[in-house]
C-alpha cells in the first residue's frame, strides 16, 4: 500500500442483494448423458419455479458421463408465488376526448414523436399518453395556462411543454375554417 492513499473499501451491497444471500439455497442435479429426459425434466421444472441466482455446470466423464449442475437460488422467492402482472387496458382517447381535443391530442402525439427522435429517447419520456390528453384538454398552451395544469410532472412541463405552444392554433384554425364553409 502506498502512503497517502486510502485503502479501497469493499463495495456496498444493496439491501435486497444481502437479503438474497441470506436466503440463498443450493440444489444439485446430475443429468446422465444417456437417457437424460427425466433428470432434465426435473431440473427444468425446478428452474422455472425458483428465482435462480446462478448456475454452474460441469461434465463428469465417469460412468458413461453426466452433467453436474449446481443451482444457487433464493429460498422463499419462487416465481410461482410472484403476483401476476396487471395489464392496464389501453385507453381509446377518441372516446375519452371531444373531437376538438382529440385533434389536438393527435397533433401533440406527432410533435412528441418528433421530439423523441430528436432527443433519442422513448416517446413516453417526453409525455405519457395520459399527459398528452391532459394537455389536449387545454384550449391553448402557453405559460399562463400550463402553470395550472395538474397531473404532469413539473420537470416535463419545464423541459418540453414550450415545444407544444402554438400547436393548438392549427386545430383552432381548422375549426374556424370549417365553420365559415
N, C-alpha and C. Protein backbone atom coordinates (compact mmCIF):
# COMPACT_ATOMS: atom_id res chain seq x y z
N UNK A 1 0.84 -1.17 0.00
CA UNK A 1 0.00 0.00 0.00
C UNK A 1 0.88 1.23 0.00
N UNK A 2 0.52 2.21 -0.83
CA UNK A 2 1.29 3.43 -0.90
C UNK A 2 0.83 4.40 0.17
N UNK A 3 1.79 5.20 0.65
CA UNK A 3 1.43 6.21 1.64
C UNK A 3 0.60 7.30 0.99
N UNK A 4 -0.32 7.84 1.73
CA UNK A 4 -1.14 8.93 1.23
C UNK A 4 -2.40 8.48 0.52
N UNK A 5 -2.47 7.21 0.19
CA UNK A 5 -3.66 6.71 -0.48
C UNK A 5 -4.47 5.89 0.50
N UNK A 6 -5.78 6.04 0.41
CA UNK A 6 -6.65 5.28 1.30
C UNK A 6 -6.90 3.90 0.71
N UNK A 7 -7.04 2.96 1.59
CA UNK A 7 -7.35 1.61 1.13
C UNK A 7 -8.75 1.59 0.54
N UNK A 8 -8.93 0.88 -0.52
CA UNK A 8 -10.24 0.79 -1.16
C UNK A 8 -11.20 0.04 -0.25
N UNK A 9 -12.40 0.59 -0.12
CA UNK A 9 -13.42 -0.08 0.69
C UNK A 9 -14.16 -1.07 -0.18
N UNK A 10 -14.58 -2.16 0.41
CA UNK A 10 -15.36 -3.10 -0.40
C UNK A 10 -16.66 -2.43 -0.82
N UNK A 11 -17.18 -2.80 -1.99
CA UNK A 11 -18.42 -2.17 -2.45
C UNK A 11 -19.57 -2.49 -1.52
N UNK A 12 -20.44 -1.51 -1.35
CA UNK A 12 -21.63 -1.74 -0.53
C UNK A 12 -22.64 -2.53 -1.34
N UNK A 13 -23.33 -3.40 -0.66
CA UNK A 13 -24.35 -4.19 -1.34
C UNK A 13 -25.71 -3.63 -0.98
N UNK A 14 -26.56 -3.53 -1.96
CA UNK A 14 -27.92 -3.08 -1.71
C UNK A 14 -28.60 -4.08 -0.79
N UNK A 15 -29.56 -3.60 0.00
CA UNK A 15 -30.22 -4.45 0.97
C UNK A 15 -30.82 -5.69 0.34
N UNK A 16 -31.47 -5.55 -0.82
CA UNK A 16 -32.11 -6.73 -1.41
C UNK A 16 -31.09 -7.77 -1.83
N UNK A 17 -29.86 -7.35 -2.19
CA UNK A 17 -28.83 -8.32 -2.53
C UNK A 17 -28.37 -9.07 -1.27
N UNK A 18 -28.25 -8.36 -0.18
CA UNK A 18 -27.88 -9.01 1.08
C UNK A 18 -28.97 -9.99 1.49
N UNK A 19 -30.22 -9.57 1.35
CA UNK A 19 -31.34 -10.44 1.70
C UNK A 19 -31.32 -11.69 0.84
N UNK A 20 -30.99 -11.56 -0.45
CA UNK A 20 -30.91 -12.73 -1.32
C UNK A 20 -29.82 -13.68 -0.85
N UNK A 21 -28.68 -13.14 -0.41
CA UNK A 21 -27.61 -14.00 0.06
C UNK A 21 -28.02 -14.74 1.33
N UNK A 22 -28.79 -14.08 2.18
CA UNK A 22 -29.23 -14.73 3.41
C UNK A 22 -30.22 -15.85 3.13
N UNK A 23 -31.00 -15.72 2.07
CA UNK A 23 -31.99 -16.73 1.73
C UNK A 23 -31.49 -17.72 0.68
N UNK A 24 -30.25 -17.60 0.26
CA UNK A 24 -29.73 -18.41 -0.82
C UNK A 24 -29.67 -19.89 -0.43
N UNK A 25 -30.08 -20.71 -1.35
CA UNK A 25 -30.04 -22.16 -1.20
C UNK A 25 -29.28 -22.74 -2.40
N UNK A 26 -28.88 -24.00 -2.26
CA UNK A 26 -28.15 -24.67 -3.33
C UNK A 26 -28.85 -25.99 -3.65
N UNK A 27 -28.99 -26.29 -4.92
CA UNK A 27 -29.58 -27.56 -5.37
C UNK A 27 -28.65 -28.10 -6.45
N UNK A 28 -28.40 -29.40 -6.41
CA UNK A 28 -27.52 -30.05 -7.39
C UNK A 28 -28.32 -31.05 -8.20
N UNK A 29 -28.09 -31.04 -9.50
CA UNK A 29 -28.73 -32.01 -10.40
C UNK A 29 -27.63 -32.79 -11.11
N UNK A 30 -27.86 -34.10 -11.27
CA UNK A 30 -26.96 -34.95 -12.02
C UNK A 30 -27.74 -35.46 -13.22
N UNK A 31 -27.32 -35.04 -14.41
CA UNK A 31 -28.05 -35.37 -15.63
C UNK A 31 -27.19 -36.30 -16.48
N UNK A 32 -27.60 -37.57 -16.58
CA UNK A 32 -26.79 -38.53 -17.35
C UNK A 32 -26.84 -38.22 -18.84
N UNK A 33 -25.76 -38.58 -19.52
CA UNK A 33 -25.70 -38.36 -20.97
C UNK A 33 -26.69 -39.28 -21.66
N UNK A 34 -26.77 -40.53 -21.19
CA UNK A 34 -27.74 -41.48 -21.76
C UNK A 34 -29.04 -41.39 -20.97
N UNK A 35 -30.14 -41.27 -21.62
CA UNK A 35 -31.47 -41.16 -21.03
C UNK A 35 -31.58 -39.98 -20.04
N UNK A 36 -31.37 -38.77 -20.52
CA UNK A 36 -31.38 -37.61 -19.62
C UNK A 36 -32.78 -37.02 -19.38
N UNK A 37 -33.80 -37.55 -20.06
CA UNK A 37 -35.12 -36.92 -20.09
C UNK A 37 -35.69 -36.61 -18.70
N UNK A 38 -35.72 -37.62 -17.83
CA UNK A 38 -36.33 -37.40 -16.52
C UNK A 38 -35.56 -36.38 -15.69
N UNK A 39 -34.23 -36.49 -15.69
CA UNK A 39 -33.41 -35.54 -14.93
C UNK A 39 -33.53 -34.13 -15.49
N UNK A 40 -33.57 -34.02 -16.82
CA UNK A 40 -33.74 -32.70 -17.45
C UNK A 40 -35.09 -32.11 -17.08
N UNK A 41 -36.10 -32.96 -17.11
CA UNK A 41 -37.46 -32.51 -16.78
C UNK A 41 -37.52 -31.99 -15.34
N UNK A 42 -36.91 -32.72 -14.42
CA UNK A 42 -36.88 -32.30 -13.01
C UNK A 42 -36.14 -30.97 -12.86
N UNK A 43 -34.99 -30.86 -13.52
CA UNK A 43 -34.20 -29.63 -13.43
C UNK A 43 -34.97 -28.45 -14.03
N UNK A 44 -35.58 -28.64 -15.19
CA UNK A 44 -36.33 -27.55 -15.82
C UNK A 44 -37.52 -27.11 -14.97
N UNK A 45 -38.21 -28.04 -14.37
CA UNK A 45 -39.34 -27.71 -13.50
C UNK A 45 -38.86 -26.88 -12.30
N UNK A 46 -37.75 -27.29 -11.73
CA UNK A 46 -37.18 -26.56 -10.59
C UNK A 46 -36.77 -25.15 -11.00
N UNK A 47 -36.07 -25.03 -12.14
CA UNK A 47 -35.58 -23.73 -12.59
C UNK A 47 -36.72 -22.77 -12.89
N UNK A 48 -37.82 -23.28 -13.45
CA UNK A 48 -38.97 -22.41 -13.75
C UNK A 48 -39.68 -21.93 -12.49
N UNK A 49 -39.56 -22.66 -11.39
CA UNK A 49 -40.34 -22.32 -10.20
C UNK A 49 -39.54 -21.63 -9.10
N UNK A 50 -38.28 -21.28 -9.37
CA UNK A 50 -37.47 -20.61 -8.36
C UNK A 50 -36.72 -19.44 -8.97
N UNK A 51 -36.37 -18.52 -8.12
CA UNK A 51 -35.56 -17.38 -8.55
C UNK A 51 -34.11 -17.81 -8.53
N UNK A 52 -33.58 -18.06 -9.69
CA UNK A 52 -32.22 -18.58 -9.83
C UNK A 52 -31.23 -17.42 -9.78
N UNK A 53 -30.26 -17.53 -8.91
CA UNK A 53 -29.23 -16.51 -8.78
C UNK A 53 -28.02 -16.82 -9.66
N UNK A 54 -27.70 -18.13 -9.77
CA UNK A 54 -26.52 -18.53 -10.53
C UNK A 54 -26.57 -20.02 -10.81
N UNK A 55 -26.03 -20.42 -11.93
CA UNK A 55 -25.88 -21.85 -12.22
C UNK A 55 -24.44 -22.11 -12.62
N UNK A 56 -24.03 -23.34 -12.37
CA UNK A 56 -22.70 -23.77 -12.76
C UNK A 56 -22.82 -25.21 -13.21
N UNK A 57 -22.20 -25.56 -14.31
CA UNK A 57 -22.30 -26.94 -14.80
C UNK A 57 -20.92 -27.46 -15.18
N UNK A 58 -20.76 -28.75 -14.95
CA UNK A 58 -19.51 -29.42 -15.27
C UNK A 58 -19.82 -30.79 -15.82
N UNK A 59 -19.07 -31.20 -16.83
CA UNK A 59 -19.23 -32.54 -17.38
C UNK A 59 -18.30 -33.49 -16.63
N UNK A 60 -18.85 -34.60 -16.17
CA UNK A 60 -18.08 -35.62 -15.45
C UNK A 60 -18.03 -36.85 -16.36
N UNK A 61 -16.83 -37.23 -16.85
CA UNK A 61 -16.74 -38.29 -17.85
C UNK A 61 -16.81 -39.72 -17.30
N UNK A 62 -16.98 -39.92 -16.01
CA UNK A 62 -17.01 -41.29 -15.47
C UNK A 62 -18.40 -41.89 -15.60
N UNK A 63 -18.47 -43.22 -15.55
CA UNK A 63 -19.73 -43.98 -15.58
C UNK A 63 -20.63 -43.57 -16.75
N UNK A 64 -20.09 -43.48 -17.94
CA UNK A 64 -20.89 -43.13 -19.11
C UNK A 64 -21.06 -41.63 -19.28
N UNK A 65 -20.68 -40.86 -18.31
CA UNK A 65 -20.72 -39.41 -18.40
C UNK A 65 -22.04 -38.81 -17.91
N UNK A 66 -21.93 -37.71 -17.19
CA UNK A 66 -23.12 -36.98 -16.76
C UNK A 66 -22.74 -35.52 -16.53
N UNK A 67 -23.76 -34.69 -16.54
CA UNK A 67 -23.60 -33.28 -16.23
C UNK A 67 -23.95 -33.05 -14.78
N UNK A 68 -23.06 -32.40 -14.05
CA UNK A 68 -23.35 -31.99 -12.69
C UNK A 68 -23.71 -30.50 -12.76
N UNK A 69 -24.92 -30.18 -12.33
CA UNK A 69 -25.41 -28.80 -12.41
C UNK A 69 -25.70 -28.31 -11.01
N UNK A 70 -25.03 -27.24 -10.63
CA UNK A 70 -25.23 -26.61 -9.33
C UNK A 70 -26.08 -25.36 -9.55
N UNK A 71 -27.16 -25.25 -8.79
CA UNK A 71 -28.07 -24.11 -8.92
C UNK A 71 -28.11 -23.38 -7.59
N UNK A 72 -27.80 -22.09 -7.60
CA UNK A 72 -27.97 -21.25 -6.42
C UNK A 72 -29.26 -20.47 -6.64
N UNK A 73 -30.13 -20.51 -5.64
CA UNK A 73 -31.43 -19.85 -5.79
C UNK A 73 -31.83 -19.21 -4.48
N UNK A 74 -32.75 -18.26 -4.56
CA UNK A 74 -33.25 -17.58 -3.37
C UNK A 74 -34.44 -18.35 -2.85
N UNK A 75 -34.36 -18.78 -1.61
CA UNK A 75 -35.44 -19.52 -0.98
C UNK A 75 -36.55 -18.55 -0.60
N UNK A 76 -37.79 -19.01 -0.69
CA UNK A 76 -38.92 -18.18 -0.31
C UNK A 76 -39.26 -17.14 -1.34
N UNK A 77 -38.67 -17.21 -2.52
CA UNK A 77 -38.95 -16.25 -3.56
C UNK A 77 -39.22 -16.95 -4.89
N UNK A 78 -40.04 -18.00 -4.88
CA UNK A 78 -40.27 -18.69 -6.14
C UNK A 78 -41.09 -17.82 -7.10
N UNK A 79 -40.82 -18.00 -8.35
CA UNK A 79 -41.52 -17.24 -9.38
C UNK A 79 -43.01 -17.52 -9.32
N UNK A 80 -43.39 -18.74 -8.97
CA UNK A 80 -44.80 -19.11 -8.93
C UNK A 80 -45.57 -18.29 -7.89
N UNK A 81 -44.90 -17.82 -6.84
CA UNK A 81 -45.57 -17.04 -5.82
C UNK A 81 -45.64 -15.56 -6.16
N UNK A 82 -44.97 -15.14 -7.20
CA UNK A 82 -44.98 -13.72 -7.57
C UNK A 82 -46.38 -13.31 -8.00
N UNK A 83 -46.81 -12.12 -7.62
CA UNK A 83 -48.14 -11.68 -8.03
C UNK A 83 -48.19 -11.49 -9.53
N UNK A 84 -49.34 -11.76 -10.13
CA UNK A 84 -49.42 -11.59 -11.57
C UNK A 84 -49.29 -10.12 -11.96
N UNK A 85 -48.71 -9.89 -13.10
CA UNK A 85 -48.54 -8.54 -13.59
C UNK A 85 -49.89 -8.05 -14.11
N UNK A 86 -50.30 -6.91 -13.59
CA UNK A 86 -51.57 -6.35 -14.03
C UNK A 86 -51.34 -5.51 -15.28
N UNK A 87 -52.08 -5.82 -16.30
CA UNK A 87 -52.01 -5.06 -17.54
C UNK A 87 -53.17 -4.09 -17.58
N UNK A 88 -52.87 -2.84 -17.77
CA UNK A 88 -53.93 -1.86 -17.88
C UNK A 88 -54.51 -1.92 -19.28
N UNK A 89 -55.81 -1.73 -19.35
CA UNK A 89 -56.42 -1.66 -20.66
C UNK A 89 -56.00 -0.37 -21.33
N UNK A 90 -55.82 -0.43 -22.64
CA UNK A 90 -55.48 0.77 -23.37
C UNK A 90 -56.69 1.68 -23.43
N UNK A 91 -56.42 2.95 -23.24
CA UNK A 91 -57.49 3.93 -23.34
C UNK A 91 -57.69 4.30 -24.80
N UNK A 92 -58.94 4.43 -25.18
CA UNK A 92 -59.27 4.93 -26.50
C UNK A 92 -59.53 6.42 -26.35
N UNK A 93 -58.52 7.22 -26.64
CA UNK A 93 -58.63 8.66 -26.41
C UNK A 93 -59.65 9.31 -27.33
N UNK A 94 -59.97 8.67 -28.45
CA UNK A 94 -61.01 9.20 -29.33
C UNK A 94 -62.37 9.17 -28.62
N UNK A 95 -62.55 8.23 -27.70
CA UNK A 95 -63.80 8.14 -26.95
C UNK A 95 -63.77 9.01 -25.70
N UNK A 96 -62.59 9.19 -25.12
CA UNK A 96 -62.45 9.93 -23.87
C UNK A 96 -62.46 11.45 -24.11
N UNK A 97 -61.87 11.88 -25.22
CA UNK A 97 -61.74 13.31 -25.52
C UNK A 97 -62.82 13.74 -26.52
N UNK A 98 -63.13 15.03 -26.50
CA UNK A 98 -64.04 15.57 -27.52
C UNK A 98 -63.32 15.55 -28.86
N UNK A 99 -64.04 15.79 -29.95
CA UNK A 99 -63.44 15.76 -31.29
C UNK A 99 -62.32 16.79 -31.41
N UNK A 100 -62.54 17.99 -30.90
CA UNK A 100 -61.52 19.04 -30.95
C UNK A 100 -60.31 18.67 -30.09
N UNK A 101 -60.57 18.16 -28.89
CA UNK A 101 -59.47 17.75 -28.01
C UNK A 101 -58.68 16.60 -28.63
N UNK A 102 -59.38 15.69 -29.29
CA UNK A 102 -58.69 14.55 -29.90
C UNK A 102 -57.80 15.02 -31.06
N UNK A 103 -58.24 16.02 -31.82
CA UNK A 103 -57.39 16.55 -32.90
C UNK A 103 -56.12 17.17 -32.31
N UNK A 104 -56.26 17.90 -31.22
CA UNK A 104 -55.07 18.45 -30.54
C UNK A 104 -54.18 17.32 -30.05
N UNK A 105 -54.80 16.30 -29.46
CA UNK A 105 -54.06 15.14 -28.95
C UNK A 105 -53.22 14.51 -30.07
N UNK A 106 -53.80 14.31 -31.24
CA UNK A 106 -53.08 13.72 -32.37
C UNK A 106 -51.91 14.60 -32.81
N UNK A 107 -52.14 15.91 -32.84
CA UNK A 107 -51.06 16.84 -33.20
C UNK A 107 -49.95 16.77 -32.15
N UNK A 108 -50.31 16.71 -30.89
CA UNK A 108 -49.33 16.63 -29.81
C UNK A 108 -48.56 15.30 -29.87
N UNK A 109 -49.25 14.24 -30.22
CA UNK A 109 -48.56 12.93 -30.35
C UNK A 109 -47.50 13.00 -31.44
N UNK A 110 -47.84 13.62 -32.56
CA UNK A 110 -46.89 13.74 -33.66
C UNK A 110 -45.68 14.58 -33.23
N UNK A 111 -45.93 15.67 -32.51
CA UNK A 111 -44.83 16.51 -32.02
C UNK A 111 -43.97 15.74 -31.02
N UNK A 112 -44.63 14.97 -30.14
CA UNK A 112 -43.89 14.15 -29.16
C UNK A 112 -42.98 13.16 -29.88
N UNK A 113 -43.49 12.56 -30.95
CA UNK A 113 -42.69 11.60 -31.72
C UNK A 113 -41.46 12.28 -32.32
N UNK A 114 -41.64 13.49 -32.84
CA UNK A 114 -40.51 14.24 -33.40
C UNK A 114 -39.48 14.55 -32.32
N UNK A 115 -39.95 14.99 -31.15
CA UNK A 115 -39.03 15.30 -30.05
C UNK A 115 -38.29 14.06 -29.57
N UNK A 116 -39.01 12.94 -29.48
CA UNK A 116 -38.38 11.69 -29.03
C UNK A 116 -37.27 11.27 -29.99
N UNK A 117 -37.51 11.43 -31.27
CA UNK A 117 -36.49 11.11 -32.26
C UNK A 117 -35.32 12.08 -32.13
N UNK A 118 -35.63 13.36 -31.98
CA UNK A 118 -34.60 14.40 -31.85
C UNK A 118 -33.72 14.15 -30.63
N UNK A 119 -34.31 13.80 -29.49
CA UNK A 119 -33.56 13.60 -28.26
C UNK A 119 -33.12 12.15 -28.04
N UNK A 120 -33.50 11.27 -28.97
CA UNK A 120 -33.15 9.85 -28.90
C UNK A 120 -33.60 9.21 -27.59
N UNK A 121 -34.87 9.44 -27.24
CA UNK A 121 -35.47 8.85 -26.05
C UNK A 121 -36.81 8.25 -26.43
N UNK A 122 -37.33 7.33 -25.63
CA UNK A 122 -38.68 6.81 -25.90
C UNK A 122 -39.69 7.95 -25.77
N UNK A 123 -40.77 7.86 -26.53
CA UNK A 123 -41.78 8.92 -26.56
C UNK A 123 -42.37 9.19 -25.18
N UNK A 124 -42.55 8.15 -24.37
CA UNK A 124 -43.17 8.36 -23.06
C UNK A 124 -42.29 9.18 -22.12
N UNK A 125 -41.01 9.31 -22.44
CA UNK A 125 -40.14 10.15 -21.62
C UNK A 125 -40.52 11.63 -21.79
N UNK A 126 -40.93 11.99 -22.99
CA UNK A 126 -41.35 13.37 -23.25
C UNK A 126 -42.66 13.64 -22.50
N UNK A 127 -43.71 12.92 -22.85
CA UNK A 127 -45.01 12.96 -22.17
C UNK A 127 -45.68 11.61 -22.37
N UNK A 128 -46.35 11.12 -21.34
CA UNK A 128 -47.15 9.89 -21.49
C UNK A 128 -48.41 10.23 -22.28
N UNK A 129 -49.12 9.21 -22.73
CA UNK A 129 -50.39 9.43 -23.43
C UNK A 129 -51.38 10.18 -22.54
N UNK A 130 -51.42 9.80 -21.26
CA UNK A 130 -52.33 10.48 -20.33
C UNK A 130 -51.96 11.96 -20.19
N UNK A 131 -50.66 12.26 -20.13
CA UNK A 131 -50.23 13.65 -20.03
C UNK A 131 -50.60 14.43 -21.28
N UNK A 132 -50.46 13.78 -22.46
CA UNK A 132 -50.86 14.45 -23.69
C UNK A 132 -52.35 14.74 -23.70
N UNK A 133 -53.15 13.81 -23.16
CA UNK A 133 -54.59 14.02 -23.09
C UNK A 133 -54.91 15.21 -22.19
N UNK A 134 -54.18 15.35 -21.08
CA UNK A 134 -54.39 16.48 -20.18
C UNK A 134 -54.07 17.79 -20.92
N UNK A 135 -52.97 17.79 -21.66
CA UNK A 135 -52.61 18.98 -22.43
C UNK A 135 -53.64 19.27 -23.51
N UNK A 136 -54.14 18.22 -24.15
CA UNK A 136 -55.12 18.39 -25.24
C UNK A 136 -56.43 18.98 -24.73
N UNK A 137 -56.72 18.82 -23.46
CA UNK A 137 -57.95 19.39 -22.90
C UNK A 137 -57.85 20.90 -22.72
N UNK A 138 -56.63 21.43 -22.80
CA UNK A 138 -56.44 22.88 -22.69
C UNK A 138 -56.68 23.50 -24.06
N UNK A 139 -57.56 24.51 -24.17
CA UNK A 139 -57.81 25.13 -25.48
C UNK A 139 -56.56 25.78 -26.06
N UNK A 140 -55.70 26.33 -25.20
CA UNK A 140 -54.44 26.94 -25.62
C UNK A 140 -53.34 26.50 -24.69
N UNK A 141 -52.17 26.32 -25.23
CA UNK A 141 -51.00 26.04 -24.38
C UNK A 141 -50.08 27.25 -24.42
N UNK A 142 -49.89 27.84 -23.27
CA UNK A 142 -48.93 28.92 -23.12
C UNK A 142 -48.51 28.92 -21.65
N UNK A 143 -47.57 29.76 -21.30
CA UNK A 143 -47.03 29.77 -19.93
C UNK A 143 -48.13 29.97 -18.90
N UNK A 144 -49.12 30.79 -19.20
CA UNK A 144 -50.19 31.08 -18.23
C UNK A 144 -51.10 29.87 -18.01
N UNK A 145 -51.49 29.17 -19.09
CA UNK A 145 -52.41 28.04 -18.93
C UNK A 145 -51.71 26.81 -18.39
N UNK A 146 -50.45 26.63 -18.76
CA UNK A 146 -49.73 25.42 -18.37
C UNK A 146 -49.40 25.41 -16.88
N UNK A 147 -49.19 26.57 -16.27
CA UNK A 147 -48.81 26.57 -14.85
C UNK A 147 -49.93 26.02 -13.97
N UNK A 148 -51.17 26.01 -14.44
CA UNK A 148 -52.30 25.49 -13.67
C UNK A 148 -52.65 24.05 -13.99
N UNK A 149 -51.93 23.44 -14.93
CA UNK A 149 -52.22 22.07 -15.33
C UNK A 149 -51.80 21.12 -14.22
N UNK A 150 -52.70 20.26 -13.79
CA UNK A 150 -52.41 19.25 -12.75
C UNK A 150 -52.23 17.89 -13.43
N UNK A 151 -51.35 17.07 -12.85
CA UNK A 151 -51.18 15.71 -13.35
C UNK A 151 -49.99 15.51 -14.26
N UNK A 152 -49.17 16.53 -14.43
CA UNK A 152 -47.98 16.41 -15.27
C UNK A 152 -46.77 16.78 -14.43
N UNK A 153 -45.75 15.97 -14.54
CA UNK A 153 -44.52 16.22 -13.77
C UNK A 153 -43.98 17.61 -14.10
N UNK A 154 -43.66 18.40 -13.08
CA UNK A 154 -43.12 19.75 -13.33
C UNK A 154 -41.89 19.74 -14.23
N UNK A 155 -41.06 18.72 -14.09
CA UNK A 155 -39.85 18.67 -14.93
C UNK A 155 -40.23 18.53 -16.41
N UNK A 156 -41.30 17.78 -16.70
CA UNK A 156 -41.74 17.64 -18.09
C UNK A 156 -42.27 18.97 -18.61
N UNK A 157 -43.02 19.66 -17.75
CA UNK A 157 -43.53 20.96 -18.17
C UNK A 157 -42.38 21.91 -18.46
N UNK A 158 -41.39 21.91 -17.59
CA UNK A 158 -40.24 22.81 -17.77
C UNK A 158 -39.42 22.46 -19.00
N UNK A 159 -39.23 21.15 -19.24
CA UNK A 159 -38.33 20.72 -20.30
C UNK A 159 -38.95 20.71 -21.69
N UNK A 160 -40.24 20.36 -21.79
CA UNK A 160 -40.78 20.06 -23.12
C UNK A 160 -42.00 20.87 -23.53
N UNK A 161 -42.77 21.40 -22.59
CA UNK A 161 -44.07 21.94 -22.96
C UNK A 161 -43.98 23.12 -23.92
N UNK A 162 -42.91 23.91 -23.84
CA UNK A 162 -42.77 25.05 -24.75
C UNK A 162 -42.75 24.60 -26.20
N UNK A 163 -42.29 23.37 -26.43
CA UNK A 163 -42.25 22.83 -27.79
C UNK A 163 -43.66 22.58 -28.35
N UNK A 164 -44.67 22.64 -27.48
CA UNK A 164 -46.05 22.38 -27.89
C UNK A 164 -46.86 23.66 -28.02
N UNK A 165 -46.29 24.79 -27.59
CA UNK A 165 -47.01 26.06 -27.68
C UNK A 165 -47.33 26.35 -29.14
N UNK A 166 -48.51 26.81 -29.39
CA UNK A 166 -48.91 27.21 -30.74
C UNK A 166 -49.45 26.07 -31.59
N UNK A 167 -49.23 24.83 -31.19
CA UNK A 167 -49.74 23.71 -31.99
C UNK A 167 -51.27 23.66 -31.97
N UNK A 168 -51.87 24.08 -30.87
CA UNK A 168 -53.33 24.09 -30.78
C UNK A 168 -53.93 25.07 -31.77
N UNK A 169 -53.16 26.07 -32.20
CA UNK A 169 -53.65 27.04 -33.17
C UNK A 169 -54.02 26.37 -34.48
N UNK A 170 -53.32 25.27 -34.85
CA UNK A 170 -53.64 24.54 -36.07
C UNK A 170 -55.06 23.99 -36.00
N UNK A 171 -55.43 23.42 -34.86
CA UNK A 171 -56.77 22.87 -34.68
C UNK A 171 -57.78 24.00 -34.68
N UNK A 172 -57.48 25.08 -33.94
CA UNK A 172 -58.40 26.20 -33.86
C UNK A 172 -58.59 26.84 -35.24
N UNK A 173 -57.53 26.91 -36.05
CA UNK A 173 -57.64 27.46 -37.41
C UNK A 173 -58.51 26.56 -38.28
N UNK A 174 -58.34 25.24 -38.12
CA UNK A 174 -59.18 24.29 -38.87
C UNK A 174 -60.63 24.45 -38.48
N UNK A 175 -60.87 24.62 -37.19
CA UNK A 175 -62.25 24.79 -36.68
C UNK A 175 -62.86 26.05 -37.27
N UNK A 176 -62.10 27.14 -37.27
CA UNK A 176 -62.61 28.41 -37.78
C UNK A 176 -62.83 28.32 -39.28
N UNK A 177 -61.92 27.67 -39.99
CA UNK A 177 -62.08 27.49 -41.44
C UNK A 177 -63.27 26.63 -41.79
N UNK A 178 -63.49 25.58 -40.99
CA UNK A 178 -64.61 24.66 -41.21
C UNK A 178 -65.94 25.32 -40.90
N UNK A 179 -65.97 26.25 -39.95
CA UNK A 179 -67.22 26.90 -39.55
C UNK A 179 -67.64 27.90 -40.61
N UNK A 180 -66.67 28.51 -41.35
CA UNK A 180 -67.03 29.51 -42.34
C UNK A 180 -67.48 28.89 -43.64
N UNK A 181 -67.23 27.61 -43.87
CA UNK A 181 -67.63 26.94 -45.13
C UNK A 181 -69.07 26.60 -45.12
